[in-house]
Amino acid sequence: MKPINYKALGAKIKEYRKKENITQEQLAEMADISLSHMSNVETASVSVSLPALKLIADALGVTIDELLVDSYSKKQKKYFYSKKMDLIMEQCETVEQEIIVNTVSTLADNLLKSRKKKGV
């Protein structure tokens, strides 16, 4: 089992916080944790308890999975992203699903071509 990458977790929390345009202080208040603890979580100065992580995820409107994805194995990430795609597709009409599939296919083709050019 792969250990939790607290540095990546803190960076992911910060990424979502900035995306929501809220400060550490606001997030700490929303999650009902101290500002110093929130700061320490984002900078990976401390590990975070599951209850605190749940409060942070809820305050950000994301799942714990979304915050921990960088600590997952390749197989776990593949499963997570597959399920996330399923949820996105379930919300769409057939014509929208076709647009998404075509867009993702084109993007994947371009990424593979780019990877081949770099020799990766």
PDB file of N, CA and C in Angstrom:
ATOM      1  N   MET A   1       0.842  -1.182   0.000  1.00  0.00           N
ATOM      2  CA  MET A   1       0.000   0.000   0.000  1.00  0.00           C
ATOM      3  C   MET A   1       0.889   1.248   0.000  1.00  0.00           C
ATOM      4  N   LYS A   2       0.577   2.159  -0.867  1.00  0.00           N
ATOM      5  CA  LYS A   2       1.345   3.381  -1.010  1.00  0.00           C
ATOM      6  C   LYS A   2       0.989   4.351   0.133  1.00  0.00           C
ATOM      7  N   PRO A   3       2.003   4.938   0.803  1.00  0.00           N
ATOM      8  CA  PRO A   3       1.699   5.874   1.894  1.00  0.00           C
ATOM      9  C   PRO A   3       1.112   7.175   1.354  1.00  0.00           C
ATOM     10  N   ILE A   4       0.444   7.893   2.222  1.00  0.00           N
ATOM     11  CA  ILE A   4      -0.133   9.185   1.840  1.00  0.00           C
ATOM     12  C   ILE A   4       0.988  10.172   1.604  1.00  0.00           C
ATOM     13  N   ASN A   5       0.933  10.840   0.482  1.00  0.00           N
ATOM     14  CA  ASN A   5       1.889  11.886   0.135  1.00  0.00           C
ATOM     15  C   ASN A   5       1.314  13.205   0.669  1.00  0.00           C
ATOM     16  N   TYR A   6       1.720  13.581   1.887  1.00  0.00           N
ATOM     17  CA  TYR A   6       1.143  14.759   2.536  1.00  0.00           C
ATOM     18  C   TYR A   6       1.495  16.053   1.818  1.00  0.00           C
ATOM     19  N   LYS A   7       2.650  16.082   1.181  1.00  0.00           N
ATOM     20  CA  LYS A   7       3.029  17.268   0.414  1.00  0.00           C
ATOM     21  C   LYS A   7       2.076  17.444  -0.775  1.00  0.00           C
ATOM     22  N   ALA A   8       1.797  16.347  -1.488  1.00  0.00           N
ATOM     23  CA  ALA A   8       0.866  16.396  -2.616  1.00  0.00           C
ATOM     24  C   ALA A   8      -0.550  16.711  -2.134  1.00  0.00           C
ATOM     25  N   LEU A   9      -0.923  16.152  -0.989  1.00  0.00           N
ATOM     26  CA  LEU A   9      -2.243  16.422  -0.415  1.00  0.00           C
ATOM     27  C   LEU A   9      -2.390  17.910  -0.103  1.00  0.00           C
ATOM     28  N   GLY A  10      -1.388  18.486   0.546  1.00  0.00           N
ATOM     29  CA  GLY A  10      -1.426  19.910   0.862  1.00  0.00           C
ATOM     30  C   GLY A  10      -1.509  20.767  -0.388  1.00  0.00           C
ATOM     31  N   ALA A  11      -0.754  20.370  -1.411  1.00  0.00           N
ATOM     32  CA  ALA A  11      -0.779  21.113  -2.678  1.00  0.00           C
ATOM     33  C   ALA A  11      -2.143  21.010  -3.341  1.00  0.00           C
ATOM     34  N   LYS A  12      -2.767  19.845  -3.246  1.00  0.00           N
ATOM     35  CA  LYS A  12      -4.089  19.653  -3.844  1.00  0.00           C
ATOM     36  C   LYS A  12      -5.131  20.484  -3.106  1.00  0.00           C
ATOM     37  N   ILE A  13      -5.045  20.530  -1.787  1.00  0.00           N
ATOM     38  CA  ILE A  13      -5.966  21.354  -1.005  1.00  0.00           C
ATOM     39  C   ILE A  13      -5.803  22.818  -1.399  1.00  0.00           C
ATOM     40  N   LYS A  14      -4.557  23.262  -1.491  1.00  0.00           N
ATOM     41  CA  LYS A  14      -4.280  24.645  -1.890  1.00  0.00           C
ATOM     42  C   LYS A  14      -4.826  24.927  -3.290  1.00  0.00           C
ATOM     43  N   GLU A  15      -4.632  23.987  -4.202  1.00  0.00           N
ATOM     44  CA  GLU A  15      -5.126  24.133  -5.582  1.00  0.00           C
ATOM     45  C   GLU A  15      -6.645  24.337  -5.597  1.00  0.00           C
ATOM     46  N   TYR A  16      -7.367  23.480  -4.879  1.00  0.00           N
ATOM     47  CA  TYR A  16      -8.827  23.602  -4.824  1.00  0.00           C
ATOM     48  C   TYR A  16      -9.253  24.882  -4.111  1.00  0.00           C
ATOM     49  N   ARG A  17      -8.527  25.247  -3.058  1.00  0.00           N
ATOM     50  CA  ARG A  17      -8.856  26.471  -2.321  1.00  0.00           C
ATOM     51  C   ARG A  17      -8.714  27.693  -3.225  1.00  0.00           C
ATOM     52  N   LYS A  18      -7.623  27.748  -3.964  1.00  0.00           N
ATOM     53  CA  LYS A  18      -7.393  28.875  -4.874  1.00  0.00           C
ATOM     54  C   LYS A  18      -8.415  28.881  -6.006  1.00  0.00           C
ATOM     55  N   LYS A  19      -8.772  27.699  -6.472  1.00  0.00           N
ATOM     56  CA  LYS A  19      -9.793  27.583  -7.524  1.00  0.00           C
ATOM     57  C   LYS A  19     -11.124  28.181  -7.047  1.00  0.00           C
ATOM     58  N   GLU A  20     -11.402  27.998  -5.766  1.00  0.00           N
ATOM     59  CA  GLU A  20     -12.631  28.547  -5.181  1.00  0.00           C
ATOM     60  C   GLU A  20     -12.462  30.004  -4.743  1.00  0.00           C
ATOM     61  N   ASN A  21     -11.232  30.509  -4.903  1.00  0.00           N
ATOM     62  CA  ASN A  21     -10.921  31.899  -4.557  1.00  0.00           C
ATOM     63  C   ASN A  21     -11.223  32.207  -3.085  1.00  0.00           C
ATOM     64  N   ILE A  22     -10.759  31.308  -2.211  1.00  0.00           N
ATOM     65  CA  ILE A  22     -10.910  31.541  -0.782  1.00  0.00           C
ATOM     66  C   ILE A  22      -9.540  31.497  -0.108  1.00  0.00           C
ATOM     67  N   THR A  23      -9.430  32.176   0.990  1.00  0.00           N
ATOM     68  CA  THR A  23      -8.170  32.234   1.719  1.00  0.00           C
ATOM     69  C   THR A  23      -8.055  31.022   2.646  1.00  0.00           C
ATOM     70  N   GLN A  24      -6.845  30.819   3.149  1.00  0.00           N
ATOM     71  CA  GLN A  24      -6.643  29.759   4.154  1.00  0.00           C
ATOM     72  C   GLN A  24      -7.527  30.019   5.362  1.00  0.00           C
ATOM     73  N   GLU A  25      -7.604  31.264   5.752  1.00  0.00           N
ATOM     74  CA  GLU A  25      -8.409  31.625   6.914  1.00  0.00           C
ATOM     75  C   GLU A  25      -9.884  31.279   6.682  1.00  0.00           C
ATOM     76  N   GLN A  26     -10.392  31.581   5.497  1.00  0.00           N
ATOM     77  CA  GLN A  26     -11.790  31.262   5.194  1.00  0.00           C
ATOM     78  C   GLN A  26     -12.016  29.755   5.177  1.00  0.00           C
ATOM     79  N   LEU A  27     -11.084  29.017   4.567  1.00  0.00           N
ATOM     80  CA  LEU A  27     -11.223  27.567   4.520  1.00  0.00           C
ATOM     81  C   LEU A  27     -11.158  26.968   5.917  1.00  0.00           C
ATOM     82  N   ALA A  28     -10.246  27.461   6.728  1.00  0.00           N
ATOM     83  CA  ALA A  28     -10.136  26.973   8.109  1.00  0.00           C
ATOM     84  C   ALA A  28     -11.452  27.188   8.856  1.00  0.00           C
ATOM     85  N   GLU A  29     -12.033  28.362   8.667  1.00  0.00           N
ATOM     86  CA  GLU A  29     -13.312  28.669   9.323  1.00  0.00           C
ATOM     87  C   GLU A  29     -14.416  27.751   8.802  1.00  0.00           C
ATOM     88  N   MET A  30     -14.460  27.561   7.482  1.00  0.00           N
ATOM     89  CA  MET A  30     -15.484  26.701   6.882  1.00  0.00           C
ATOM     90  C   MET A  30     -15.339  25.253   7.353  1.00  0.00           C
ATOM     91  N   ALA A  31     -14.096  24.810   7.558  1.00  0.00           N
ATOM     92  CA  ALA A  31     -13.823  23.432   7.967  1.00  0.00           C
ATOM     93  C   ALA A  31     -13.805  23.279   9.495  1.00  0.00           C
ATOM     94  N   ASP A  32     -13.968  24.385  10.180  1.00  0.00           N
ATOM     95  CA  ASP A  32     -13.981  24.387  11.646  1.00  0.00           C
ATOM     96  C   ASP A  32     -12.675  23.831  12.226  1.00  0.00           C
ATOM     97  N   ILE A  33     -11.542  24.274  11.637  1.00  0.00           N
ATOM     98  CA  ILE A  33     -10.231  23.949  12.179  1.00  0.00           C
ATOM     99  C   ILE A  33      -9.456  25.254  12.324  1.00  0.00           C
ATOM    100  N   SER A  34      -8.393  25.221  13.099  1.00  0.00           N
ATOM    101  CA  SER A  34      -7.628  26.448  13.326  1.00  0.00           C
ATOM    102  C   SER A  34      -6.858  26.844  12.067  1.00  0.00           C
ATOM    103  N   LEU A  35      -6.605  28.128  11.944  1.00  0.00           N
ATOM    104  CA  LEU A  35      -5.843  28.638  10.810  1.00  0.00           C
ATOM    105  C   LEU A  35      -4.439  28.036  10.793  1.00  0.00           C
ATOM    106  N   SER A  36      -3.812  27.918  11.964  1.00  0.00           N
ATOM    107  CA  SER A  36      -2.456  27.360  12.008  1.00  0.00           C
ATOM    108  C   SER A  36      -2.450  25.899  11.543  1.00  0.00           C
ATOM    109  N   HIS A  37      -3.476  25.134  11.930  1.00  0.00           N
ATOM    110  CA  HIS A  37      -3.559  23.747  11.486  1.00  0.00           C
ATOM    111  C   HIS A  37      -3.775  23.692   9.975  1.00  0.00           C
ATOM    112  N   MET A  38      -4.639  24.570   9.469  1.00  0.00           N
ATOM    113  CA  MET A  38      -4.895  24.613   8.021  1.00  0.00           C
ATOM    114  C   MET A  38      -3.609  24.913   7.269  1.00  0.00           C
ATOM    115  N   SER A  39      -2.854  25.868   7.763  1.00  0.00           N
ATOM    116  CA  SER A  39      -1.577  26.229   7.148  1.00  0.00           C
ATOM    117  C   SER A  39      -0.610  25.055   7.182  1.00  0.00           C
ATOM    118  N   ASN A  40      -0.550  24.377   8.313  1.00  0.00           N
ATOM    119  CA  ASN A  40       0.339  23.220   8.457  1.00  0.00           C
ATOM    120  C   ASN A  40      -0.061  22.066   7.540  1.00  0.00           C
ATOM    121  N   VAL A  41      -1.351  21.887   7.323  1.00  0.00           N
ATOM    122  CA  VAL A  41      -1.829  20.835   6.423  1.00  0.00           C
ATOM    123  C   VAL A  41      -1.393  21.163   4.992  1.00  0.00           C
ATOM    124  N   GLU A  42      -1.579  22.414   4.575  1.00  0.00           N
ATOM    125  CA  GLU A  42      -1.208  22.808   3.210  1.00  0.00           C
ATOM    126  C   GLU A  42       0.296  22.722   2.966  1.00  0.00           C
ATOM    127  N   THR A  43       1.085  22.968   3.975  1.00  0.00           N
ATOM    128  CA  THR A  43       2.540  22.927   3.797  1.00  0.00           C
ATOM    129  C   THR A  43       3.129  21.576   4.187  1.00  0.00           C
ATOM    130  N   ALA A  44       2.283  20.638   4.524  1.00  0.00           N
ATOM    131  CA  ALA A  44       2.687  19.280   4.913  1.00  0.00           C
ATOM    132  C   ALA A  44       3.575  19.277   6.145  1.00  0.00           C
ATOM    133  N   SER A  45       3.390  20.257   7.017  1.00  0.00           N
ATOM    134  CA  SER A  45       4.148  20.304   8.267  1.00  0.00           C
ATOM    135  C   SER A  45       3.610  19.300   9.278  1.00  0.00           C
ATOM    136  N   VAL A  46       2.370  18.889   9.074  1.00  0.00           N
ATOM    137  CA  VAL A  46       1.732  17.884   9.938  1.00  0.00           C
ATOM    138  C   VAL A  46       0.918  16.948   9.062  1.00  0.00           C
ATOM    139  N   SER A  47       0.650  15.763   9.579  1.00  0.00           N
ATOM    140  CA  SER A  47      -0.304  14.895   8.894  1.00  0.00           C
ATOM    141  C   SER A  47      -1.697  15.374   9.289  1.00  0.00           C
ATOM    142  N   VAL A  48      -2.678  14.962   8.538  1.00  0.00           N
ATOM    143  CA  VAL A  48      -4.047  15.417   8.813  1.00  0.00           C
ATOM    144  C   VAL A  48      -4.891  14.195   9.149  1.00  0.00           C
ATOM    145  N   SER A  49      -5.740  14.338  10.142  1.00  0.00           N
ATOM    146  CA  SER A  49      -6.609  13.241  10.543  1.00  0.00           C
ATOM    147  C   SER A  49      -7.729  13.076   9.513  1.00  0.00           C
ATOM    148  N   LEU A  50      -8.296  11.896   9.478  1.00  0.00           N
ATOM    149  CA  LEU A  50      -9.401  11.636   8.558  1.00  0.00           C
ATOM    150  C   LEU A  50     -10.596  12.562   8.823  1.00  0.00           C
ATOM    151  N   PRO A  51     -10.995  12.776  10.088  1.00  0.00           N
ATOM    152  CA  PRO A  51     -12.103  13.711  10.321  1.00  0.00           C
ATOM    153  C   PRO A  51     -11.799  15.130   9.819  1.00  0.00           C
ATOM    154  N   ALA A  52     -10.563  15.604  10.033  1.00  0.00           N
ATOM    155  CA  ALA A  52     -10.200  16.944   9.554  1.00  0.00           C
ATOM    156  C   ALA A  52     -10.179  16.977   8.033  1.00  0.00           C
ATOM    157  N   LEU A  53      -9.680  15.913   7.416  1.00  0.00           N
ATOM    158  CA  LEU A  53      -9.648  15.850   5.957  1.00  0.00           C
ATOM    159  C   LEU A  53     -11.060  15.869   5.389  1.00  0.00           C
ATOM    160  N   LYS A  54     -11.971  15.176   6.045  1.00  0.00           N
ATOM    161  CA  LYS A  54     -13.380  15.165   5.610  1.00  0.00           C
ATOM    162  C   LYS A  54     -13.969  16.564   5.721  1.00  0.00           C
ATOM    163  N   LEU A  55     -13.676  17.274   6.788  1.00  0.00           N
ATOM    164  CA  LEU A  55     -14.178  18.641   6.952  1.00  0.00           C
ATOM    165  C   LEU A  55     -13.631  19.564   5.861  1.00  0.00           C
ATOM    166  N   ILE A  56     -12.357  19.412   5.540  1.00  0.00           N
ATOM    167  CA  ILE A  56     -11.731  20.230   4.496  1.00  0.00           C
ATOM    168  C   ILE A  56     -12.354  19.916   3.141  1.00  0.00           C
ATOM    169  N   ALA A  57     -12.487  18.630   2.841  1.00  0.00           N
ATOM    170  CA  ALA A  57     -13.084  18.221   1.562  1.00  0.00           C
ATOM    171  C   ALA A  57     -14.504  18.762   1.437  1.00  0.00           C
ATOM    172  N   ASP A  58     -15.297  18.626   2.502  1.00  0.00           N
ATOM    173  CA  ASP A  58     -16.672  19.138   2.487  1.00  0.00           C
ATOM    174  C   ASP A  58     -16.692  20.652   2.267  1.00  0.00           C
ATOM    175  N   ALA A  59     -15.797  21.356   2.930  1.00  0.00           N
ATOM    176  CA  ALA A  59     -15.741  22.816   2.795  1.00  0.00           C
ATOM    177  C   ALA A  59     -15.373  23.221   1.366  1.00  0.00           C
ATOM    178  N   LEU A  60     -14.549  22.410   0.714  1.00  0.00           N
ATOM    179  CA  LEU A  60     -14.138  22.697  -0.661  1.00  0.00           C
ATOM    180  C   LEU A  60     -15.132  22.163  -1.694  1.00  0.00           C
ATOM    181  N   GLY A  61     -16.063  21.346  -1.243  1.00  0.00           N
ATOM    182  CA  GLY A  61     -17.052  20.766  -2.153  1.00  0.00           C
ATOM    183  C   GLY A  61     -16.471  19.678  -3.045  1.00  0.00           C
ATOM    184  N   VAL A  62     -15.483  18.942  -2.519  1.00  0.00           N
ATOM    185  CA  VAL A  62     -14.863  17.853  -3.261  1.00  0.00           C
ATOM    186  C   VAL A  62     -14.883  16.596  -2.395  1.00  0.00           C
ATOM    187  N   THR A  63     -14.494  15.482  -2.981  1.00  0.00           N
ATOM    188  CA  THR A  63     -14.421  14.245  -2.212  1.00  0.00           C
ATOM    189  C   THR A  63     -13.009  14.078  -1.634  1.00  0.00           C
ATOM    190  N   ILE A  64     -12.900  13.247  -0.645  1.00  0.00           N
ATOM    191  CA  ILE A  64     -11.589  12.917  -0.089  1.00  0.00           C
ATOM    192  C   ILE A  64     -10.728  12.281  -1.179  1.00  0.00           C
ATOM    193  N   ASP A  65     -11.358  11.461  -2.024  1.00  0.00           N
ATOM    194  CA  ASP A  65     -10.630  10.853  -3.150  1.00  0.00           C
ATOM    195  C   ASP A  65      -9.944  11.906  -4.011  1.00  0.00           C
ATOM    196  N   GLU A  66     -10.650  12.976  -4.296  1.00  0.00           N
ATOM    197  CA  GLU A  66     -10.076  14.024  -5.140  1.00  0.00           C
ATOM    198  C   GLU A  66      -8.856  14.666  -4.485  1.00  0.00           C
ATOM    199  N   LEU A  67      -8.860  14.739  -3.176  1.00  0.00           N
ATOM    200  CA  LEU A  67      -7.722  15.323  -2.463  1.00  0.00           C
ATOM    201  C   LEU A  67      -6.555  14.338  -2.366  1.00  0.00           C
ATOM    202  N   LEU A  68      -6.861  13.052  -2.284  1.00  0.00           N
ATOM    203  CA  LEU A  68      -5.825  12.036  -2.075  1.00  0.00           C
ATOM    204  C   LEU A  68      -5.310  11.386  -3.356  1.00  0.00           C
ATOM    205  N   VAL A  69      -5.863  11.743  -4.502  1.00  0.00           N
ATOM    206  CA  VAL A  69      -5.555  11.038  -5.742  1.00  0.00           C
ATOM    207  C   VAL A  69      -4.054  10.962  -6.033  1.00  0.00           C
ATOM    208  N   ASP A  70      -3.281  11.951  -5.642  1.00  0.00           N
ATOM    209  CA  ASP A  70      -1.841  11.930  -5.904  1.00  0.00           C
ATOM    210  C   ASP A  70      -1.094  10.910  -5.037  1.00  0.00           C
ATOM    211  N   SER A  71      -1.776  10.359  -4.034  1.00  0.00           N
ATOM    212  CA  SER A  71      -1.173   9.325  -3.192  1.00  0.00           C
ATOM    213  C   SER A  71      -1.569   7.921  -3.643  1.00  0.00           C
ATOM    214  N   TYR A  72      -2.382   7.835  -4.676  1.00  0.00           N
ATOM    215  CA  TYR A  72      -2.874   6.541  -5.141  1.00  0.00           C
ATOM    216  C   TYR A  72      -1.860   5.854  -6.052  1.00  0.00           C
ATOM    217  N   SER A  73      -1.960   4.541  -6.096  1.00  0.00           N
ATOM    218  CA  SER A  73      -1.168   3.767  -7.051  1.00  0.00           C
ATOM    219  C   SER A  73      -1.723   4.024  -8.451  1.00  0.00           C
ATOM    220  N   LYS A  74      -0.981   3.618  -9.446  1.00  0.00           N
ATOM    221  CA  LYS A  74      -1.414   3.803 -10.842  1.00  0.00           C
ATOM    222  C   LYS A  74      -2.772   3.124 -11.071  1.00  0.00           C
ATOM    223  N   LYS A  75      -2.935   1.928 -10.521  1.00  0.00           N
ATOM    224  CA  LYS A  75      -4.193   1.182 -10.682  1.00  0.00           C
ATOM    225  C   LYS A  75      -5.349   1.915  -9.988  1.00  0.00           C
ATOM    226  N   GLN A  76      -5.095   2.439  -8.790  1.00  0.00           N
ATOM    227  CA  GLN A  76      -6.137   3.168  -8.071  1.00  0.00           C
ATOM    228  C   GLN A  76      -6.522   4.460  -8.803  1.00  0.00           C
ATOM    229  N   LYS A  77      -5.507   5.147  -9.362  1.00  0.00           N
ATOM    230  CA  LYS A  77      -5.790   6.373 -10.120  1.00  0.00           C
ATOM    231  C   LYS A  77      -6.633   6.061 -11.347  1.00  0.00           C
ATOM    232  N   LYS A  78      -6.288   4.981 -12.028  1.00  0.00           N
ATOM    233  CA  LYS A  78      -7.031   4.582 -13.219  1.00  0.00           C
ATOM    234  C   LYS A  78      -8.499   4.336 -12.857  1.00  0.00           C
ATOM    235  N   TYR A  79      -8.744   3.640 -11.769  1.00  0.00           N
ATOM    236  CA  TYR A  79     -10.108   3.370 -11.304  1.00  0.00           C
ATOM    237  C   TYR A  79     -10.811   4.670 -10.937  1.00  0.00           C
ATOM    238  N   PHE A  80     -10.129   5.539 -10.193  1.00  0.00           N
ATOM    239  CA  PHE A  80     -10.712   6.811  -9.767  1.00  0.00           C
ATOM    240  C   PHE A  80     -11.134   7.650 -10.970  1.00  0.00           C
ATOM    241  N   TYR A  81     -10.228   7.796 -11.938  1.00  0.00           N
ATOM    242  CA  TYR A  81     -10.536   8.630 -13.104  1.00  0.00           C
ATOM    243  C   TYR A  81     -11.615   7.994 -13.978  1.00  0.00           C
ATOM    244  N   SER A  82     -11.652   6.675 -14.027  1.00  0.00           N
ATOM    245  CA  SER A  82     -12.698   5.987 -14.777  1.00  0.00           C
ATOM    246  C   SER A  82     -14.067   6.267 -14.156  1.00  0.00           C
ATOM    247  N   LYS A  83     -14.131   6.177 -12.843  1.00  0.00           N
ATOM    248  CA  LYS A  83     -15.396   6.447 -12.142  1.00  0.00           C
ATOM    249  C   LYS A  83     -15.795   7.919 -12.282  1.00  0.00           C
ATOM    250  N   LYS A  84     -14.823   8.804 -12.230  1.00  0.00           N
ATOM    251  CA  LYS A  84     -15.112  10.234 -12.386  1.00  0.00           C
ATOM    252  C   LYS A  84     -15.688  10.504 -13.780  1.00  0.00           C
ATOM    253  N   MET A  85     -15.095   9.868 -14.807  1.00  0.00           N
ATOM    254  CA  MET A  85     -15.597  10.016 -16.170  1.00  0.00           C
ATOM    255  C   MET A  85     -17.016   9.473 -16.283  1.00  0.00           C
ATOM    256  N   ASP A  86     -17.283   8.329 -15.631  1.00  0.00           N
ATOM    257  CA  ASP A  86     -18.629   7.751 -15.642  1.00  0.00           C
ATOM    258  C   ASP A  86     -19.644   8.747 -15.075  1.00  0.00           C
ATOM    259  N   LEU A  87     -19.294   9.391 -13.971  1.00  0.00           N
ATOM    260  CA  LEU A  87     -20.205  10.356 -13.353  1.00  0.00           C
ATOM    261  C   LEU A  87     -20.468  11.550 -14.268  1.00  0.00           C
ATOM    262  N   ILE A  88     -19.426  12.009 -14.938  1.00  0.00           N
ATOM    263  CA  ILE A  88     -19.582  13.130 -15.874  1.00  0.00           C
ATOM    264  C   ILE A  88     -20.517  12.718 -17.008  1.00  0.00           C
ATOM    265  N   MET A  89     -20.278  11.556 -17.577  1.00  0.00           N
ATOM    266  CA  MET A  89     -21.068  11.096 -18.720  1.00  0.00           C
ATOM    267  C   MET A  89     -22.535  10.863 -18.345  1.00  0.00           C
ATOM    268  N   GLU A  90     -22.782  10.380 -17.134  1.00  0.00           N
ATOM    269  CA  GLU A  90     -24.160  10.128 -16.690  1.00  0.00           C
ATOM    270  C   GLU A  90     -24.999  11.403 -16.672  1.00  0.00           C
ATOM    271  N   GLN A  91     -24.365  12.540 -16.489  1.00  0.00           N
ATOM    272  CA  GLN A  91     -25.079  13.814 -16.393  1.00  0.00           C
ATOM    273  C   GLN A  91     -25.379  14.437 -17.757  1.00  0.00           C
ATOM    274  N   CYS A  92     -24.870  13.816 -18.821  1.00  0.00           N
ATOM    275  CA  CYS A  92     -24.963  14.418 -20.145  1.00  0.00           C
ATOM    276  C   CYS A  92     -25.959  13.702 -21.048  1.00  0.00           C
ATOM    277  N   GLU A  93     -26.506  14.467 -21.989  1.00  0.00           N
ATOM    278  CA  GLU A  93     -27.345  13.905 -23.045  1.00  0.00           C
ATOM    279  C   GLU A  93     -26.441  13.177 -24.033  1.00  0.00           C
ATOM    280  N   THR A  94     -27.018  12.346 -24.877  1.00  0.00           N
ATOM    281  CA  THR A  94     -26.254  11.546 -25.828  1.00  0.00           C
ATOM    282  C   THR A  94     -25.371  12.407 -26.724  1.00  0.00           C
ATOM    283  N   VAL A  95     -25.900  13.497 -27.242  1.00  0.00           N
ATOM    284  CA  VAL A  95     -25.115  14.361 -28.128  1.00  0.00           C
ATOM    285  C   VAL A  95     -23.938  14.976 -27.372  1.00  0.00           C
ATOM    286  N   GLU A  96     -24.136  15.311 -26.101  1.00  0.00           N
ATOM    287  CA  GLU A  96     -23.051  15.852 -25.275  1.00  0.00           C
ATOM    288  C   GLU A  96     -21.994  14.786 -25.003  1.00  0.00           C
ATOM    289  N   GLN A  97     -22.454  13.560 -24.773  1.00  0.00           N
ATOM    290  CA  GLN A  97     -21.516  12.454 -24.563  1.00  0.00           C
ATOM    291  C   GLN A  97     -20.646  12.245 -25.799  1.00  0.00           C
ATOM    292  N   GLU A  98     -21.247  12.360 -26.976  1.00  0.00           N
ATOM    293  CA  GLU A  98     -20.493  12.204 -28.219  1.00  0.00           C
ATOM    294  C   GLU A  98     -19.429  13.290 -28.341  1.00  0.00           C
ATOM    295  N   ILE A  99     -19.787  14.519 -27.989  1.00  0.00           N
ATOM    296  CA  ILE A  99     -18.834  15.631 -28.038  1.00  0.00           C
ATOM    297  C   ILE A  99     -17.684  15.377 -27.067  1.00  0.00           C
ATOM    298  N   ILE A 100     -18.011  14.909 -25.872  1.00  0.00           N
ATOM    299  CA  ILE A 100     -16.980  14.623 -24.871  1.00  0.00           C
ATOM    300  C   ILE A 100     -16.046  13.524 -25.359  1.00  0.00           C
ATOM    301  N   VAL A 101     -16.607  12.450 -25.873  1.00  0.00           N
ATOM    302  CA  VAL A 101     -15.782  11.330 -26.364  1.00  0.00           C
ATOM    303  C   VAL A 101     -14.877  11.802 -27.499  1.00  0.00           C
ATOM    304  N   ASN A 102     -15.418  12.566 -28.437  1.00  0.00           N
ATOM    305  CA  ASN A 102     -14.606  13.063 -29.546  1.00  0.00           C
ATOM    306  C   ASN A 102     -13.496  13.991 -29.056  1.00  0.00           C
ATOM    307  N   THR A 103     -13.816  14.848 -28.104  1.00  0.00           N
ATOM    308  CA  THR A 103     -12.828  15.778 -27.551  1.00  0.00           C
ATOM    309  C   THR A 103     -11.723  15.020 -26.819  1.00  0.00           C
ATOM    310  N   VAL A 104     -12.111  14.077 -25.991  1.00  0.00           N
ATOM    311  CA  VAL A 104     -11.134  13.291 -25.233  1.00  0.00           C
ATOM    312  C   VAL A 104     -10.284  12.447 -26.179  1.00  0.00           C
ATOM    313  N   SER A 105     -10.896  11.877 -27.203  1.00  0.00           N
ATOM    314  CA  SER A 105     -10.143  11.079 -28.177  1.00  0.00           C
ATOM    315  C   SER A 105      -9.093  11.925 -28.886  1.00  0.00           C
ATOM    316  N   THR A 106      -9.485  13.110 -29.316  1.00  0.00           N
ATOM    317  CA  THR A 106      -8.550  14.009 -29.987  1.00  0.00           C
ATOM    318  C   THR A 106      -7.424  14.414 -29.049  1.00  0.00           C
ATOM    319  N   LEU A 107      -7.775  14.748 -27.824  1.00  0.00           N
ATOM    320  CA  LEU A 107      -6.771  15.131 -26.832  1.00  0.00           C
ATOM    321  C   LEU A 107      -5.807  13.975 -26.566  1.00  0.00           C
ATOM    322  N   ALA A 108      -6.340  12.772 -26.383  1.00  0.00           N
ATOM    323  CA  ALA A 108      -5.493  11.603 -26.121  1.00  0.00           C
ATOM    324  C   ALA A 108      -4.559  11.338 -27.302  1.00  0.00           C
ATOM    325  N   ASP A 109      -5.079  11.445 -28.516  1.00  0.00           N
ATOM    326  CA  ASP A 109      -4.227  11.263 -29.705  1.00  0.00           C
ATOM    327  C   ASP A 109      -3.083  12.267 -29.711  1.00  0.00           C
ATOM    328  N   ASN A 110      -3.387  13.526 -29.421  1.00  0.00           N
ATOM    329  CA  ASN A 110      -2.355  14.566 -29.401  1.00  0.00           C
ATOM    330  C   ASN A 110      -1.329  14.337 -28.295  1.00  0.00           C
ATOM    331  N   LEU A 111      -1.783  13.887 -27.149  1.00  0.00           N
ATOM    332  CA  LEU A 111      -0.861  13.604 -26.053  1.00  0.00           C
ATOM    333  C   LEU A 111       0.064  12.437 -26.407  1.00  0.00           C
ATOM    334  N   LEU A 112      -0.495  11.400 -27.014  1.00  0.00           N
ATOM    335  CA  LEU A 112       0.322  10.248 -27.411  1.00  0.00           C
ATOM    336  C   LEU A 112       1.355  10.639 -28.471  1.00  0.00           C
ATOM    337  N   LYS A 113       0.937  11.445 -29.431  1.00  0.00           N
ATOM    338  CA  LYS A 113       1.866  11.921 -30.463  1.00  0.00           C
ATOM    339  C   LYS A 113       2.994  12.739 -29.824  1.00  0.00           C
ATOM    340  N   SER A 114       2.631  13.601 -28.881  1.00  0.00           N
ATOM    341  CA  SER A 114       3.608  14.421 -28.190  1.00  0.00           C
ATOM    342  C   SER A 114       4.579  13.571 -27.401  1.00  0.00           C
ATOM    343  N   ARG A 115       4.066  12.540 -26.741  1.00  0.00           N
ATOM    344  CA  ARG A 115       4.907  11.641 -25.962  1.00  0.00           C
ATOM    345  C   ARG A 115       5.888  10.902 -26.870  1.00  0.00           C
ATOM    346  N   LYS A 116       5.405  10.457 -28.025  1.00  0.00           N
ATOM    347  CA  LYS A 116       6.263   9.751 -28.981  1.00  0.00           C
ATOM    348  C   LYS A 116       7.360  10.652 -29.519  1.00  0.00           C
ATOM    349  N   LYS A 117       7.036  11.923 -29.765  1.00  0.00           N
ATOM    350  CA  LYS A 117       8.044  12.879 -30.246  1.00  0.00           C
ATOM    351  C   LYS A 117       9.150  13.081 -29.210  1.00  0.00           C
ATOM    352  N   LYS A 118       8.758  13.072 -27.949  1.00  0.00           N
ATOM    353  CA  LYS A 118       9.732  13.254 -26.875  1.00  0.00           C
ATOM    354  C   LYS A 118      10.503  11.981 -26.585  1.00  0.00           C
ATOM    355  N   GLY A 119      10.023  10.872 -27.133  1.00  0.00           N
ATOM    356  CA  GLY A 119      10.709   9.601 -26.933  1.00  0.00           C
ATOM    357  C   GLY A 119      10.448   8.979 -25.587  1.00  0.00           C
ATOM    358  N   VAL A 120       9.325   9.311 -24.990  1.00  0.00           N
ATOM    359  CA  VAL A 120       8.982   8.776 -23.668  1.00  0.00           C
ATOM    360  C   VAL A 120       8.329   7.435 -23.796  1.00  0.00           C
TER     361      VAL A 120
END
